[in-house]
Amino acid sequence: MGQGAIDGLAAKGVKSFSGIVGDPQLAVENYLAGKLEDAGANCAGHGDHSSCHH
């Protein structure tokens, strides 16, 4: 996800998380418990995504 999307969502009060790996059920449980952390796998631009690690 790019920074523009992150900023746009945040402007509307939506918290986004990127780079979450593993069991989706555990991710939801961690989110609901306030323990989910953003891994910071954001894109800095368009085109080649080899540097984004996603």
N, C-alpha and C. Protein backbone atom coordinates (compact mmCIF):
# COMPACT_ATOMS: atom_id res chain seq x y z
N MET A 1 0.86 -1.16 0.00
CA MET A 1 0.00 0.00 0.00
C MET A 1 0.91 1.22 0.00
N GLY A 2 0.55 2.22 -0.77
CA GLY A 2 1.33 3.43 -0.86
C GLY A 2 1.01 4.42 0.24
N GLN A 3 1.90 5.39 0.41
CA GLN A 3 1.71 6.39 1.46
C GLN A 3 0.47 7.22 1.24
N GLY A 4 0.13 7.49 -0.04
CA GLY A 4 -1.09 8.24 -0.33
C GLY A 4 -2.33 7.54 0.18
N ALA A 5 -2.38 6.23 0.00
CA ALA A 5 -3.53 5.44 0.50
C ALA A 5 -3.55 5.45 2.02
N ILE A 6 -2.39 5.29 2.63
CA ILE A 6 -2.31 5.30 4.09
C ILE A 6 -2.78 6.65 4.64
N ASP A 7 -2.30 7.74 4.03
CA ASP A 7 -2.69 9.07 4.48
C ASP A 7 -4.18 9.32 4.27
N GLY A 8 -4.71 8.87 3.11
CA GLY A 8 -6.13 9.05 2.83
C GLY A 8 -7.01 8.31 3.81
N LEU A 9 -6.63 7.09 4.13
CA LEU A 9 -7.39 6.32 5.12
C LEU A 9 -7.30 6.97 6.50
N ALA A 10 -6.10 7.39 6.88
CA ALA A 10 -5.92 8.03 8.19
C ALA A 10 -6.74 9.30 8.31
N ALA A 11 -6.86 10.05 7.21
CA ALA A 11 -7.66 11.28 7.22
C ALA A 11 -9.13 11.00 7.50
N LYS A 12 -9.56 9.78 7.19
CA LYS A 12 -10.95 9.38 7.44
C LYS A 12 -11.09 8.59 8.75
N GLY A 13 -9.99 8.51 9.51
CA GLY A 13 -10.05 7.82 10.79
C GLY A 13 -9.83 6.32 10.71
N VAL A 14 -9.29 5.85 9.58
CA VAL A 14 -9.08 4.42 9.40
C VAL A 14 -7.61 4.09 9.64
N LYS A 15 -7.34 3.21 10.58
CA LYS A 15 -5.97 2.76 10.86
C LYS A 15 -5.66 1.61 9.93
N SER A 16 -4.54 1.68 9.25
CA SER A 16 -4.16 0.61 8.33
C SER A 16 -2.93 -0.11 8.86
N PHE A 17 -2.80 -1.37 8.47
CA PHE A 17 -1.67 -2.21 8.86
C PHE A 17 -1.14 -2.86 7.59
N SER A 18 0.16 -2.83 7.38
CA SER A 18 0.73 -3.47 6.20
C SER A 18 1.81 -4.46 6.61
N GLY A 19 2.01 -5.45 5.76
CA GLY A 19 3.07 -6.42 6.01
C GLY A 19 2.73 -7.47 7.05
N ILE A 20 1.46 -7.68 7.31
CA ILE A 20 1.05 -8.67 8.29
C ILE A 20 1.17 -10.05 7.65
N VAL A 21 1.88 -10.95 8.31
CA VAL A 21 2.06 -12.31 7.79
C VAL A 21 1.58 -13.32 8.82
N GLY A 22 1.30 -14.52 8.35
CA GLY A 22 0.91 -15.59 9.26
C GLY A 22 -0.57 -15.87 9.22
N ASP A 23 -1.05 -16.45 10.29
CA ASP A 23 -2.43 -16.89 10.41
C ASP A 23 -3.39 -15.70 10.49
N PRO A 24 -4.33 -15.57 9.54
CA PRO A 24 -5.27 -14.44 9.56
C PRO A 24 -6.10 -14.38 10.85
N GLN A 25 -6.52 -15.55 11.37
CA GLN A 25 -7.31 -15.57 12.59
C GLN A 25 -6.53 -14.96 13.75
N LEU A 26 -5.24 -15.30 13.85
CA LEU A 26 -4.39 -14.75 14.90
C LEU A 26 -4.22 -13.24 14.71
N ALA A 27 -4.10 -12.80 13.46
CA ALA A 27 -3.99 -11.37 13.18
C ALA A 27 -5.23 -10.63 13.67
N VAL A 28 -6.41 -11.19 13.41
CA VAL A 28 -7.65 -10.56 13.87
C VAL A 28 -7.71 -10.54 15.39
N GLU A 29 -7.34 -11.64 16.01
CA GLU A 29 -7.34 -11.70 17.47
C GLU A 29 -6.37 -10.67 18.06
N ASN A 30 -5.19 -10.55 17.45
CA ASN A 30 -4.23 -9.55 17.92
C ASN A 30 -4.74 -8.13 17.71
N TYR A 31 -5.42 -7.89 16.58
CA TYR A 31 -6.00 -6.58 16.33
C TYR A 31 -7.05 -6.23 17.40
N LEU A 32 -7.94 -7.16 17.64
CA LEU A 32 -9.00 -6.91 18.63
C LEU A 32 -8.44 -6.71 20.04
N ALA A 33 -7.30 -7.34 20.31
CA ALA A 33 -6.65 -7.19 21.62
C ALA A 33 -5.73 -5.98 21.68
N GLY A 34 -5.62 -5.25 20.56
CA GLY A 34 -4.76 -4.07 20.53
C GLY A 34 -3.28 -4.41 20.43
N LYS A 35 -2.97 -5.63 19.97
CA LYS A 35 -1.59 -6.09 19.91
C LYS A 35 -1.03 -6.18 18.49
N LEU A 36 -1.83 -5.91 17.47
CA LEU A 36 -1.35 -6.01 16.10
C LEU A 36 -0.45 -4.82 15.79
N GLU A 37 0.72 -5.09 15.21
CA GLU A 37 1.65 -4.03 14.88
C GLU A 37 1.86 -3.94 13.38
N ASP A 38 1.98 -2.73 12.88
CA ASP A 38 2.24 -2.49 11.47
C ASP A 38 3.69 -2.87 11.18
N ALA A 39 3.89 -3.72 10.17
CA ALA A 39 5.25 -4.14 9.81
C ALA A 39 5.93 -3.12 8.89
N GLY A 40 5.19 -2.12 8.44
CA GLY A 40 5.78 -1.06 7.64
C GLY A 40 6.17 -1.44 6.23
N ALA A 41 5.47 -2.38 5.63
CA ALA A 41 5.78 -2.82 4.27
C ALA A 41 5.04 -1.95 3.27
N ASN A 42 5.36 -0.68 3.24
CA ASN A 42 4.68 0.27 2.37
C ASN A 42 5.50 0.56 1.13
N CYS A 43 4.82 0.94 0.06
CA CYS A 43 5.49 1.32 -1.18
C CYS A 43 5.81 2.81 -1.16
N ALA A 44 6.95 3.16 -1.73
CA ALA A 44 7.35 4.56 -1.79
C ALA A 44 7.10 5.15 -3.17
N GLY A 45 6.60 4.35 -4.10
CA GLY A 45 6.36 4.87 -5.44
C GLY A 45 5.71 3.84 -6.33
N HIS A 46 5.55 4.18 -7.58
CA HIS A 46 4.92 3.28 -8.54
C HIS A 46 5.98 2.53 -9.32
N GLY A 47 5.60 1.46 -9.96
CA GLY A 47 6.52 0.73 -10.81
C GLY A 47 7.11 -0.48 -10.13
N ASP A 48 8.42 -0.54 -10.06
CA ASP A 48 9.13 -1.69 -9.50
C ASP A 48 8.85 -1.83 -8.01
N HIS A 49 8.30 -2.96 -7.62
CA HIS A 49 7.96 -3.19 -6.22
C HIS A 49 8.96 -4.11 -5.53
N SER A 50 10.13 -4.29 -6.12
CA SER A 50 11.11 -5.20 -5.51
C SER A 50 11.68 -4.64 -4.22
N SER A 51 11.60 -3.33 -4.01
CA SER A 51 12.15 -2.74 -2.78
C SER A 51 11.12 -2.62 -1.67
N CYS A 52 9.85 -2.97 -1.95
CA CYS A 52 8.78 -2.82 -0.96
C CYS A 52 8.68 -4.02 -0.02
N HIS A 53 9.23 -5.14 -0.43
CA HIS A 53 9.18 -6.38 0.35
C HIS A 53 7.76 -6.86 0.58
N HIS A 54 6.94 -6.79 -0.47
CA HIS A 54 5.59 -7.37 -0.39
C HIS A 54 5.29 -8.22 -1.57
